[in-house]
Amino acid sequence: MVHFQNQSKSLSTSLIKLINHLCIVGDMIVSMTLELKDIPGQLVLALSPISEFHGNIMSVIHQHDEKTPRGTIPVQIRFEIEHQVLDKLIERLEKSGVKVARVGEERLRSTVSVILIGHIVHSDMGDTIDKIDSTGFAEVVDMSLSMPAIDKTSSAYLVINAVGEKELSTALDIMREVANKKDLLMIEPIHMNSVGA
C-alpha cells in the first residue's frame, strides 16, 4: 500500500512512478482515501474525474461525521480503472484541490465461498486455513462456524480470495485435498468470480 504523507509535487510524482512500476498492465482495483473540504459539491468534484477516466466505482464511504486534524472529511473510494490512467487521475484530483491521502492496489481479485461439514473443530481448522494462506497467492478472508453440540457435526462457511482465477482454482484443489484427508464434506462453489465482475 502506498501512502501520500507529504503534499510536495516531487514526492507525489515519485510515488506515482512507484505505483506504475508495481502494477500490472490493464484494469486494476484501486482503494483510495481522499480528504475533502467541508463544503457542498466536494464529493462530486472527487468522483467526476474517476468517471471521466472510465473508472468503475465500486464503493464510496463518506465519513462526514469524522474530520482529519486539518478539518477535512475522509472519503474512501474503491474502483476499477485502467492502470495507464491512474497517474493522470491522481494529478487531476490534486489539481482540482482534492487531497489524495492514500492509494493502494488490491492484490486479491478473485473470490469463492465454500462450506465444510464434519467435525470441523476437531480437524484443526487453523491448519486447514494455513494450507491456503501459505500459498502466497490465496487467503481465507472470512469464516463463520456453526457448532450445534460437541458430539454433532459442525459446519464452516469460508471465503477464499486469490490473485486470479487460475490461482483460485488451485486454492480450491488444495481445499478439496485437505477436506478429503480430514473426512470433511466440501460444498462448493457458492460464489466464484473476479472482484468487480
N, C-alpha and C. Protein backbone atom coordinates (compact mmCIF):
# COMPACT_ATOMS: atom_id res chain seq x y z
N MET A 1 0.83 -1.17 0.00
CA MET A 1 0.00 0.00 0.00
C MET A 1 0.88 1.25 0.00
N VAL A 2 0.60 2.21 -0.84
CA VAL A 2 1.40 3.42 -0.94
C VAL A 2 0.69 4.55 -0.21
N HIS A 3 1.41 5.30 0.59
CA HIS A 3 0.81 6.39 1.37
C HIS A 3 1.37 7.72 0.90
N PHE A 4 0.49 8.70 0.70
CA PHE A 4 0.89 10.07 0.38
C PHE A 4 0.86 10.85 1.69
N GLN A 5 2.03 11.11 2.30
CA GLN A 5 2.08 11.82 3.57
C GLN A 5 2.42 13.30 3.37
N ASN A 6 3.05 13.61 2.26
CA ASN A 6 3.54 14.96 2.04
C ASN A 6 2.91 15.49 0.76
N GLN A 7 2.58 16.77 0.75
CA GLN A 7 1.91 17.34 -0.42
C GLN A 7 2.88 17.79 -1.50
N SER A 8 4.18 17.61 -1.28
CA SER A 8 5.13 18.12 -2.27
C SER A 8 4.96 17.39 -3.59
N LYS A 9 5.09 18.15 -4.68
CA LYS A 9 4.88 17.61 -6.03
C LYS A 9 5.89 16.52 -6.34
N SER A 10 7.16 16.69 -5.89
CA SER A 10 8.18 15.70 -6.22
C SER A 10 7.88 14.36 -5.55
N LEU A 11 7.36 14.38 -4.32
CA LEU A 11 7.01 13.14 -3.63
C LEU A 11 5.86 12.46 -4.36
N SER A 12 4.83 13.23 -4.71
CA SER A 12 3.68 12.66 -5.43
C SER A 12 4.12 12.04 -6.74
N THR A 13 5.00 12.72 -7.47
CA THR A 13 5.49 12.21 -8.75
C THR A 13 6.27 10.92 -8.55
N SER A 14 7.12 10.86 -7.52
CA SER A 14 7.88 9.64 -7.24
C SER A 14 6.98 8.48 -6.89
N LEU A 15 5.96 8.75 -6.10
CA LEU A 15 5.04 7.69 -5.71
C LEU A 15 4.21 7.21 -6.88
N ILE A 16 3.82 8.12 -7.75
CA ILE A 16 3.08 7.72 -8.95
C ILE A 16 3.94 6.79 -9.81
N LYS A 17 5.24 7.10 -9.94
CA LYS A 17 6.14 6.25 -10.72
C LYS A 17 6.27 4.88 -10.05
N LEU A 18 6.33 4.85 -8.71
CA LEU A 18 6.41 3.58 -7.99
C LEU A 18 5.16 2.75 -8.22
N ILE A 19 3.99 3.38 -8.15
CA ILE A 19 2.73 2.66 -8.41
C ILE A 19 2.75 2.09 -9.82
N ASN A 20 3.17 2.89 -10.79
CA ASN A 20 3.23 2.42 -12.17
C ASN A 20 4.17 1.23 -12.32
N HIS A 21 5.28 1.24 -11.60
CA HIS A 21 6.25 0.15 -11.68
C HIS A 21 5.70 -1.13 -11.06
N LEU A 22 4.96 -1.01 -9.96
CA LEU A 22 4.48 -2.18 -9.23
C LEU A 22 3.23 -2.80 -9.82
N CYS A 23 2.44 -2.03 -10.52
CA CYS A 23 1.15 -2.50 -11.00
C CYS A 23 1.28 -3.22 -12.33
N ILE A 24 0.35 -4.13 -12.58
CA ILE A 24 0.33 -4.82 -13.85
C ILE A 24 -0.44 -3.98 -14.86
N VAL A 25 -0.16 -4.23 -16.14
CA VAL A 25 -0.86 -3.51 -17.20
C VAL A 25 -2.28 -4.02 -17.28
N GLY A 26 -3.22 -3.12 -17.60
CA GLY A 26 -4.63 -3.48 -17.70
C GLY A 26 -5.43 -2.88 -16.56
N ASP A 27 -6.66 -3.38 -16.39
CA ASP A 27 -7.51 -2.88 -15.32
C ASP A 27 -7.00 -3.36 -13.96
N MET A 28 -7.21 -2.53 -12.96
CA MET A 28 -6.86 -2.91 -11.60
C MET A 28 -7.88 -2.32 -10.65
N ILE A 29 -7.98 -2.93 -9.49
CA ILE A 29 -8.86 -2.44 -8.44
C ILE A 29 -8.03 -1.52 -7.55
N VAL A 30 -8.52 -0.30 -7.34
CA VAL A 30 -7.81 0.69 -6.55
C VAL A 30 -8.65 1.06 -5.33
N SER A 31 -7.99 1.15 -4.20
CA SER A 31 -8.61 1.65 -2.99
C SER A 31 -7.93 2.99 -2.69
N MET A 32 -8.72 4.06 -2.62
CA MET A 32 -8.16 5.40 -2.49
C MET A 32 -8.85 6.15 -1.35
N THR A 33 -8.07 6.82 -0.53
CA THR A 33 -8.62 7.69 0.51
C THR A 33 -8.34 9.13 0.13
N LEU A 34 -9.41 9.91 0.06
CA LEU A 34 -9.31 11.33 -0.28
C LEU A 34 -9.69 12.16 0.92
N GLU A 35 -9.20 13.39 0.97
CA GLU A 35 -9.62 14.33 2.01
C GLU A 35 -10.30 15.50 1.32
N LEU A 36 -11.57 15.71 1.67
CA LEU A 36 -12.38 16.75 1.03
C LEU A 36 -12.64 17.90 1.98
N LYS A 37 -12.74 19.11 1.41
CA LYS A 37 -13.15 20.28 2.20
C LYS A 37 -14.60 20.11 2.61
N ASP A 38 -14.96 20.65 3.74
CA ASP A 38 -16.34 20.50 4.26
C ASP A 38 -17.24 21.57 3.67
N ILE A 39 -17.39 21.52 2.32
CA ILE A 39 -18.31 22.44 1.63
C ILE A 39 -19.09 21.64 0.58
N PRO A 40 -20.28 22.09 0.23
CA PRO A 40 -21.08 21.36 -0.76
C PRO A 40 -20.37 21.19 -2.10
N GLY A 41 -20.59 20.05 -2.75
CA GLY A 41 -20.07 19.79 -4.08
C GLY A 41 -18.72 19.09 -4.12
N GLN A 42 -18.10 18.88 -2.97
CA GLN A 42 -16.77 18.28 -2.95
C GLN A 42 -16.77 16.80 -3.35
N LEU A 43 -17.82 16.07 -2.97
CA LEU A 43 -17.88 14.65 -3.33
C LEU A 43 -18.01 14.48 -4.85
N VAL A 44 -18.84 15.30 -5.47
CA VAL A 44 -18.98 15.27 -6.93
C VAL A 44 -17.66 15.64 -7.59
N LEU A 45 -16.96 16.63 -7.01
CA LEU A 45 -15.67 17.05 -7.53
C LEU A 45 -14.67 15.90 -7.51
N ALA A 46 -14.76 15.05 -6.49
CA ALA A 46 -13.84 13.91 -6.36
C ALA A 46 -14.23 12.74 -7.25
N LEU A 47 -15.54 12.50 -7.42
CA LEU A 47 -15.98 11.32 -8.18
C LEU A 47 -15.99 11.55 -9.69
N SER A 48 -16.22 12.78 -10.13
CA SER A 48 -16.31 13.07 -11.57
C SER A 48 -15.06 12.64 -12.36
N PRO A 49 -13.85 12.95 -11.88
CA PRO A 49 -12.67 12.53 -12.66
C PRO A 49 -12.56 11.02 -12.81
N ILE A 50 -12.99 10.26 -11.82
CA ILE A 50 -12.94 8.80 -11.94
C ILE A 50 -13.83 8.36 -13.09
N SER A 51 -15.00 8.95 -13.17
CA SER A 51 -15.92 8.65 -14.26
C SER A 51 -15.34 9.08 -15.61
N GLU A 52 -14.73 10.26 -15.65
CA GLU A 52 -14.15 10.78 -16.90
C GLU A 52 -13.05 9.87 -17.43
N PHE A 53 -12.31 9.21 -16.53
CA PHE A 53 -11.25 8.29 -16.94
C PHE A 53 -11.77 6.85 -17.07
N HIS A 54 -13.11 6.73 -17.19
CA HIS A 54 -13.78 5.44 -17.40
C HIS A 54 -13.56 4.46 -16.26
N GLY A 55 -13.43 4.99 -15.05
CA GLY A 55 -13.32 4.13 -13.88
C GLY A 55 -14.70 3.60 -13.47
N ASN A 56 -14.72 2.41 -12.93
CA ASN A 56 -15.95 1.79 -12.46
C ASN A 56 -15.96 1.88 -10.94
N ILE A 57 -16.76 2.80 -10.39
CA ILE A 57 -16.81 2.99 -8.94
C ILE A 57 -17.57 1.84 -8.30
N MET A 58 -16.92 1.18 -7.34
CA MET A 58 -17.49 0.01 -6.69
C MET A 58 -18.07 0.33 -5.32
N SER A 59 -17.45 1.25 -4.59
CA SER A 59 -17.99 1.66 -3.29
C SER A 59 -17.43 3.02 -2.90
N VAL A 60 -18.23 3.75 -2.13
CA VAL A 60 -17.84 5.06 -1.61
C VAL A 60 -18.26 5.11 -0.14
N ILE A 61 -17.30 5.38 0.74
CA ILE A 61 -17.62 5.56 2.16
C ILE A 61 -17.28 7.00 2.50
N HIS A 62 -18.33 7.78 2.74
CA HIS A 62 -18.21 9.21 3.00
C HIS A 62 -18.41 9.42 4.50
N GLN A 63 -17.33 9.66 5.23
CA GLN A 63 -17.40 9.76 6.69
C GLN A 63 -17.56 11.22 7.11
N HIS A 64 -18.76 11.75 6.90
CA HIS A 64 -19.00 13.18 7.12
C HIS A 64 -18.87 13.57 8.60
N ASP A 65 -19.14 12.64 9.51
CA ASP A 65 -19.06 12.96 10.94
C ASP A 65 -17.63 12.96 11.47
N GLU A 66 -16.71 12.36 10.72
CA GLU A 66 -15.32 12.32 11.15
C GLU A 66 -14.52 13.35 10.37
N LYS A 67 -13.60 14.03 11.06
CA LYS A 67 -12.75 15.00 10.37
C LYS A 67 -11.29 14.73 10.71
N THR A 68 -10.43 15.05 9.77
CA THR A 68 -8.99 14.91 9.99
C THR A 68 -8.52 16.09 10.83
N PRO A 69 -7.29 16.05 11.35
CA PRO A 69 -6.75 17.20 12.09
C PRO A 69 -6.73 18.49 11.26
N ARG A 70 -6.75 18.35 9.93
CA ARG A 70 -6.75 19.52 9.05
C ARG A 70 -8.17 20.05 8.80
N GLY A 71 -9.17 19.37 9.39
CA GLY A 71 -10.56 19.81 9.22
C GLY A 71 -11.21 19.30 7.95
N THR A 72 -10.54 18.38 7.25
CA THR A 72 -11.12 17.82 6.03
C THR A 72 -11.90 16.54 6.35
N ILE A 73 -12.72 16.10 5.40
CA ILE A 73 -13.55 14.91 5.58
C ILE A 73 -12.94 13.76 4.77
N PRO A 74 -12.63 12.62 5.45
CA PRO A 74 -12.07 11.49 4.71
C PRO A 74 -13.14 10.74 3.92
N VAL A 75 -12.81 10.39 2.69
CA VAL A 75 -13.70 9.62 1.83
C VAL A 75 -12.89 8.46 1.26
N GLN A 76 -13.42 7.24 1.44
CA GLN A 76 -12.75 6.06 0.90
C GLN A 76 -13.51 5.61 -0.34
N ILE A 77 -12.78 5.46 -1.44
CA ILE A 77 -13.38 5.07 -2.72
C ILE A 77 -12.67 3.83 -3.22
N ARG A 78 -13.45 2.88 -3.69
CA ARG A 78 -12.91 1.65 -4.29
C ARG A 78 -13.43 1.60 -5.72
N PHE A 79 -12.51 1.47 -6.67
CA PHE A 79 -12.93 1.50 -8.07
C PHE A 79 -11.97 0.69 -8.94
N GLU A 80 -12.47 0.32 -10.13
CA GLU A 80 -11.66 -0.37 -11.12
C GLU A 80 -11.32 0.64 -12.21
N ILE A 81 -10.06 0.63 -12.64
CA ILE A 81 -9.62 1.59 -13.65
C ILE A 81 -8.44 1.01 -14.41
N GLU A 82 -8.21 1.52 -15.61
CA GLU A 82 -7.05 1.08 -16.39
C GLU A 82 -5.78 1.58 -15.71
N HIS A 83 -4.80 0.71 -15.62
CA HIS A 83 -3.54 1.04 -14.98
C HIS A 83 -2.90 2.29 -15.57
N GLN A 84 -2.97 2.42 -16.90
CA GLN A 84 -2.28 3.51 -17.59
C GLN A 84 -2.79 4.89 -17.22
N VAL A 85 -4.02 5.02 -16.70
CA VAL A 85 -4.57 6.36 -16.44
C VAL A 85 -4.56 6.74 -14.96
N LEU A 86 -4.06 5.85 -14.09
CA LEU A 86 -4.08 6.14 -12.65
C LEU A 86 -3.31 7.41 -12.31
N ASP A 87 -2.11 7.57 -12.88
CA ASP A 87 -1.32 8.75 -12.55
C ASP A 87 -2.01 10.04 -13.02
N LYS A 88 -2.65 9.99 -14.19
CA LYS A 88 -3.37 11.16 -14.69
C LYS A 88 -4.56 11.48 -13.79
N LEU A 89 -5.23 10.46 -13.29
CA LEU A 89 -6.37 10.66 -12.38
C LEU A 89 -5.91 11.34 -11.09
N ILE A 90 -4.81 10.86 -10.52
CA ILE A 90 -4.30 11.45 -9.28
C ILE A 90 -3.92 12.91 -9.51
N GLU A 91 -3.25 13.20 -10.62
CA GLU A 91 -2.88 14.58 -10.94
C GLU A 91 -4.12 15.46 -11.09
N ARG A 92 -5.16 14.94 -11.77
CA ARG A 92 -6.40 15.70 -11.96
C ARG A 92 -7.05 16.00 -10.61
N LEU A 93 -7.10 15.01 -9.73
CA LEU A 93 -7.71 15.21 -8.41
C LEU A 93 -6.95 16.28 -7.63
N GLU A 94 -5.63 16.18 -7.61
CA GLU A 94 -4.83 17.14 -6.84
C GLU A 94 -4.93 18.55 -7.42
N LYS A 95 -4.99 18.67 -8.75
CA LYS A 95 -5.13 19.99 -9.37
C LYS A 95 -6.48 20.62 -9.03
N SER A 96 -7.50 19.79 -8.83
CA SER A 96 -8.83 20.33 -8.51
C SER A 96 -8.99 20.61 -7.01
N GLY A 97 -7.91 20.39 -6.24
CA GLY A 97 -7.95 20.72 -4.81
C GLY A 97 -8.35 19.56 -3.92
N VAL A 98 -8.45 18.35 -4.48
CA VAL A 98 -8.77 17.17 -3.68
C VAL A 98 -7.46 16.53 -3.23
N LYS A 99 -7.27 16.40 -1.91
CA LYS A 99 -6.04 15.80 -1.38
C LYS A 99 -6.14 14.28 -1.46
N VAL A 100 -5.17 13.67 -2.12
CA VAL A 100 -5.09 12.21 -2.18
C VAL A 100 -4.23 11.76 -1.00
N ALA A 101 -4.87 11.16 0.01
CA ALA A 101 -4.16 10.78 1.23
C ALA A 101 -3.54 9.39 1.12
N ARG A 102 -4.18 8.49 0.35
CA ARG A 102 -3.68 7.12 0.25
C ARG A 102 -4.17 6.49 -1.04
N VAL A 103 -3.28 5.72 -1.67
CA VAL A 103 -3.64 4.98 -2.89
C VAL A 103 -3.06 3.57 -2.75
N GLY A 104 -3.88 2.58 -3.02
CA GLY A 104 -3.39 1.20 -2.96
C GLY A 104 -4.11 0.33 -3.97
N GLU A 105 -3.37 -0.61 -4.54
CA GLU A 105 -3.97 -1.58 -5.45
C GLU A 105 -4.34 -2.82 -4.65
N GLU A 106 -5.53 -3.36 -4.90
CA GLU A 106 -5.94 -4.57 -4.24
C GLU A 106 -5.37 -5.76 -4.99
N ARG A 107 -4.64 -6.60 -4.26
CA ARG A 107 -3.94 -7.72 -4.86
C ARG A 107 -4.86 -8.90 -5.13
N LEU A 108 -5.76 -9.19 -4.21
CA LEU A 108 -6.63 -10.36 -4.33
C LEU A 108 -7.89 -9.99 -5.08
N ARG A 109 -8.06 -10.52 -6.29
CA ARG A 109 -9.14 -10.08 -7.17
C ARG A 109 -10.22 -11.12 -7.42
N SER A 110 -10.00 -12.39 -7.09
CA SER A 110 -10.98 -13.44 -7.35
C SER A 110 -11.41 -14.05 -6.02
N THR A 111 -12.67 -14.47 -5.97
CA THR A 111 -13.20 -14.96 -4.69
C THR A 111 -14.09 -16.18 -4.89
N VAL A 112 -14.13 -17.03 -3.89
CA VAL A 112 -15.01 -18.19 -3.89
C VAL A 112 -15.45 -18.45 -2.45
N SER A 113 -16.67 -18.97 -2.29
CA SER A 113 -17.19 -19.34 -0.97
C SER A 113 -17.48 -20.83 -0.97
N VAL A 114 -17.06 -21.50 0.11
CA VAL A 114 -17.30 -22.94 0.25
C VAL A 114 -17.83 -23.22 1.65
N ILE A 115 -18.45 -24.39 1.79
CA ILE A 115 -18.91 -24.85 3.10
C ILE A 115 -18.25 -26.19 3.38
N LEU A 116 -17.71 -26.34 4.58
CA LEU A 116 -17.16 -27.61 5.05
C LEU A 116 -18.09 -28.15 6.12
N ILE A 117 -18.40 -29.44 6.04
CA ILE A 117 -19.29 -30.08 7.02
C ILE A 117 -18.58 -31.30 7.58
N GLY A 118 -18.62 -31.44 8.89
CA GLY A 118 -17.98 -32.57 9.57
C GLY A 118 -17.58 -32.15 10.97
N HIS A 119 -16.60 -32.83 11.52
CA HIS A 119 -16.10 -32.45 12.85
C HIS A 119 -15.00 -31.40 12.65
N ILE A 120 -15.45 -30.20 12.35
CA ILE A 120 -14.57 -29.10 11.95
C ILE A 120 -13.54 -28.76 13.02
N VAL A 121 -14.00 -28.54 14.24
CA VAL A 121 -13.11 -28.08 15.32
C VAL A 121 -12.07 -29.14 15.62
N HIS A 122 -12.47 -30.41 15.65
CA HIS A 122 -11.53 -31.49 15.95
C HIS A 122 -10.55 -31.74 14.82
N SER A 123 -10.82 -31.19 13.64
CA SER A 123 -9.94 -31.41 12.48
C SER A 123 -8.86 -30.34 12.35
N ASP A 124 -8.73 -29.47 13.36
CA ASP A 124 -7.73 -28.39 13.36
C ASP A 124 -7.98 -27.41 12.21
N MET A 125 -8.95 -26.54 12.40
CA MET A 125 -9.34 -25.56 11.38
C MET A 125 -8.19 -24.61 11.06
N GLY A 126 -7.36 -24.32 12.07
CA GLY A 126 -6.21 -23.44 11.84
C GLY A 126 -5.28 -24.00 10.79
N ASP A 127 -5.04 -25.31 10.85
CA ASP A 127 -4.19 -25.98 9.85
C ASP A 127 -4.83 -25.90 8.47
N THR A 128 -6.15 -26.08 8.40
CA THR A 128 -6.87 -26.01 7.12
C THR A 128 -6.69 -24.63 6.49
N ILE A 129 -6.86 -23.59 7.30
CA ILE A 129 -6.70 -22.22 6.80
C ILE A 129 -5.26 -21.95 6.38
N ASP A 130 -4.29 -22.45 7.18
CA ASP A 130 -2.88 -22.25 6.86
C ASP A 130 -2.48 -22.85 5.52
N LYS A 131 -3.11 -23.96 5.15
CA LYS A 131 -2.80 -24.60 3.86
C LYS A 131 -3.09 -23.64 2.70
N ILE A 132 -4.14 -22.84 2.82
CA ILE A 132 -4.48 -21.87 1.78
C ILE A 132 -3.62 -20.61 1.92
N ASP A 133 -3.55 -20.07 3.14
CA ASP A 133 -2.82 -18.81 3.36
C ASP A 133 -1.33 -18.93 3.02
N SER A 134 -0.75 -20.12 3.20
CA SER A 134 0.69 -20.30 2.97
C SER A 134 1.06 -20.35 1.48
N THR A 135 0.07 -20.37 0.61
CA THR A 135 0.37 -20.42 -0.83
C THR A 135 1.01 -19.13 -1.33
N GLY A 136 0.66 -18.01 -0.72
CA GLY A 136 1.17 -16.72 -1.17
C GLY A 136 0.31 -16.09 -2.26
N PHE A 137 -0.61 -16.86 -2.83
CA PHE A 137 -1.48 -16.32 -3.87
C PHE A 137 -2.96 -16.39 -3.50
N ALA A 138 -3.27 -16.97 -2.35
CA ALA A 138 -4.66 -17.07 -1.91
C ALA A 138 -4.72 -16.96 -0.39
N GLU A 139 -5.88 -16.51 0.12
CA GLU A 139 -6.08 -16.37 1.57
C GLU A 139 -7.52 -16.66 1.92
N VAL A 140 -7.72 -17.24 3.12
CA VAL A 140 -9.06 -17.33 3.68
C VAL A 140 -9.31 -15.98 4.34
N VAL A 141 -10.30 -15.24 3.84
CA VAL A 141 -10.52 -13.87 4.32
C VAL A 141 -11.73 -13.75 5.25
N ASP A 142 -12.54 -14.81 5.32
CA ASP A 142 -13.71 -14.78 6.21
C ASP A 142 -14.10 -16.21 6.54
N MET A 143 -14.59 -16.42 7.77
CA MET A 143 -15.05 -17.74 8.17
C MET A 143 -16.14 -17.61 9.20
N SER A 144 -17.21 -18.40 9.03
CA SER A 144 -18.28 -18.49 10.03
C SER A 144 -18.41 -19.95 10.42
N LEU A 145 -18.53 -20.23 11.72
CA LEU A 145 -18.59 -21.59 12.22
C LEU A 145 -19.91 -21.82 12.94
N SER A 146 -20.55 -22.96 12.66
CA SER A 146 -21.78 -23.34 13.35
C SER A 146 -21.55 -24.68 14.04
N MET A 147 -21.69 -24.69 15.38
CA MET A 147 -21.48 -25.90 16.18
C MET A 147 -22.71 -26.17 17.03
N PRO A 148 -23.59 -27.07 16.61
CA PRO A 148 -24.80 -27.33 17.38
C PRO A 148 -24.52 -28.00 18.73
N ALA A 149 -23.54 -28.89 18.79
CA ALA A 149 -23.15 -29.56 20.05
C ALA A 149 -21.79 -30.21 19.83
N ILE A 150 -21.11 -30.55 20.93
CA ILE A 150 -19.76 -31.10 20.84
C ILE A 150 -19.72 -32.40 20.03
N ASP A 151 -20.71 -33.26 20.23
CA ASP A 151 -20.69 -34.55 19.55
C ASP A 151 -21.41 -34.55 18.20
N LYS A 152 -21.90 -33.41 17.78
CA LYS A 152 -22.61 -33.30 16.50
C LYS A 152 -21.67 -32.74 15.43
N THR A 153 -22.03 -32.99 14.16
CA THR A 153 -21.24 -32.40 13.09
C THR A 153 -21.45 -30.89 13.06
N SER A 154 -20.41 -30.20 12.70
CA SER A 154 -20.47 -28.74 12.60
C SER A 154 -20.23 -28.34 11.14
N SER A 155 -20.41 -27.07 10.87
CA SER A 155 -20.18 -26.58 9.52
C SER A 155 -19.44 -25.26 9.57
N ALA A 156 -18.64 -25.03 8.55
CA ALA A 156 -17.88 -23.78 8.44
C ALA A 156 -18.08 -23.21 7.05
N TYR A 157 -18.38 -21.94 6.99
CA TYR A 157 -18.52 -21.20 5.73
C TYR A 157 -17.24 -20.39 5.56
N LEU A 158 -16.50 -20.62 4.47
CA LEU A 158 -15.23 -19.94 4.24
C LEU A 158 -15.28 -19.14 2.94
N VAL A 159 -14.66 -17.98 2.97
CA VAL A 159 -14.49 -17.16 1.77
C VAL A 159 -12.99 -17.12 1.48
N ILE A 160 -12.65 -17.52 0.26
CA ILE A 160 -11.25 -17.56 -0.17
C ILE A 160 -11.05 -16.54 -1.29
N ASN A 161 -10.04 -15.69 -1.14
CA ASN A 161 -9.68 -14.74 -2.19
C ASN A 161 -8.33 -15.13 -2.77
N ALA A 162 -8.14 -14.86 -4.07
CA ALA A 162 -6.87 -15.17 -4.73
C ALA A 162 -6.54 -14.09 -5.75
N VAL A 163 -5.30 -14.12 -6.25
CA VAL A 163 -4.85 -13.08 -7.19
C VAL A 163 -5.49 -13.22 -8.56
N GLY A 164 -6.01 -14.40 -8.90
CA GLY A 164 -6.66 -14.60 -10.19
C GLY A 164 -7.43 -15.90 -10.21
N GLU A 165 -8.12 -16.15 -11.33
CA GLU A 165 -8.98 -17.34 -11.44
C GLU A 165 -8.17 -18.64 -11.39
N LYS A 166 -7.02 -18.67 -12.05
CA LYS A 166 -6.18 -19.88 -12.05
C LYS A 166 -5.72 -20.21 -10.63
N GLU A 167 -5.27 -19.18 -9.92
CA GLU A 167 -4.80 -19.38 -8.54
C GLU A 167 -5.95 -19.78 -7.62
N LEU A 168 -7.13 -19.23 -7.88
CA LEU A 168 -8.30 -19.58 -7.08
C LEU A 168 -8.67 -21.05 -7.29
N SER A 169 -8.56 -21.51 -8.53
CA SER A 169 -8.82 -22.91 -8.84
C SER A 169 -7.82 -23.82 -8.11
N THR A 170 -6.56 -23.40 -8.07
CA THR A 170 -5.53 -24.16 -7.34
C THR A 170 -5.84 -24.20 -5.85
N ALA A 171 -6.28 -23.06 -5.30
CA ALA A 171 -6.64 -23.00 -3.88
C ALA A 171 -7.81 -23.94 -3.59
N LEU A 172 -8.77 -24.03 -4.50
CA LEU A 172 -9.89 -24.96 -4.33
C LEU A 172 -9.41 -26.40 -4.35
N ASP A 173 -8.45 -26.70 -5.23
CA ASP A 173 -7.87 -28.05 -5.26
C ASP A 173 -7.22 -28.41 -3.93
N ILE A 174 -6.50 -27.44 -3.35
CA ILE A 174 -5.86 -27.65 -2.05
C ILE A 174 -6.92 -27.90 -0.99
N MET A 175 -7.99 -27.09 -1.00
CA MET A 175 -9.06 -27.24 -0.02
C MET A 175 -9.76 -28.60 -0.17
N ARG A 176 -9.96 -29.05 -1.40
CA ARG A 176 -10.57 -30.38 -1.63
C ARG A 176 -9.71 -31.48 -1.04
N GLU A 177 -8.40 -31.37 -1.28
CA GLU A 177 -7.46 -32.38 -0.76
C GLU A 177 -7.47 -32.40 0.77
N VAL A 178 -7.44 -31.21 1.39
CA VAL A 178 -7.48 -31.13 2.85
C VAL A 178 -8.79 -31.70 3.39
N ALA A 179 -9.91 -31.33 2.76
CA ALA A 179 -11.22 -31.83 3.20
C ALA A 179 -11.28 -33.36 3.10
N ASN A 180 -10.73 -33.90 2.03
CA ASN A 180 -10.71 -35.35 1.84
C ASN A 180 -9.89 -36.03 2.93
N LYS A 181 -8.70 -35.50 3.23
CA LYS A 181 -7.82 -36.08 4.25
C LYS A 181 -8.45 -36.02 5.64
N LYS A 182 -9.22 -34.96 5.90
CA LYS A 182 -9.82 -34.76 7.23
C LYS A 182 -11.25 -35.28 7.31
N ASP A 183 -11.68 -35.99 6.26
CA ASP A 183 -13.02 -36.58 6.21
C ASP A 183 -14.12 -35.53 6.39
N LEU A 184 -13.96 -34.41 5.68
CA LEU A 184 -14.95 -33.33 5.71
C LEU A 184 -15.66 -33.27 4.36
N LEU A 185 -16.95 -33.02 4.38
CA LEU A 185 -17.70 -32.81 3.15
C LEU A 185 -17.50 -31.36 2.73
N MET A 186 -17.14 -31.15 1.47
CA MET A 186 -16.94 -29.79 0.97
C MET A 186 -18.01 -29.49 -0.08
N ILE A 187 -18.78 -28.44 0.17
CA ILE A 187 -19.81 -27.98 -0.77
C ILE A 187 -19.26 -26.72 -1.43
N GLU A 188 -19.20 -26.75 -2.76
CA GLU A 188 -18.58 -25.64 -3.49
C GLU A 188 -19.11 -25.49 -4.89
N PRO A 189 -18.80 -24.42 -5.59
CA PRO A 189 -18.60 -23.11 -5.01
C PRO A 189 -19.95 -22.42 -4.86
N ILE A 190 -20.10 -21.70 -3.79
CA ILE A 190 -21.32 -20.93 -3.61
C ILE A 190 -21.21 -19.66 -4.42
N HIS A 191 -20.01 -19.10 -4.48
CA HIS A 191 -19.82 -17.87 -5.26
C HIS A 191 -18.38 -17.83 -5.72
N MET A 192 -18.19 -17.72 -7.03
CA MET A 192 -16.83 -17.64 -7.59
C MET A 192 -16.81 -16.61 -8.68
N ASN A 193 -16.03 -15.56 -8.48
CA ASN A 193 -15.94 -14.53 -9.51
C ASN A 193 -14.76 -13.63 -9.26
N SER A 194 -14.45 -12.80 -10.27
CA SER A 194 -13.44 -11.77 -10.09
C SER A 194 -14.09 -10.58 -9.44
N VAL A 195 -13.36 -9.91 -8.55
CA VAL A 195 -13.90 -8.73 -7.89
C VAL A 195 -14.27 -7.71 -8.92
N GLY A 196 -15.46 -7.13 -8.78
CA GLY A 196 -15.92 -6.10 -9.70
C GLY A 196 -16.65 -6.66 -10.90
N ALA A 197 -16.73 -7.99 -11.01
CA ALA A 197 -17.42 -8.58 -12.15
C ALA A 197 -18.92 -8.55 -11.94
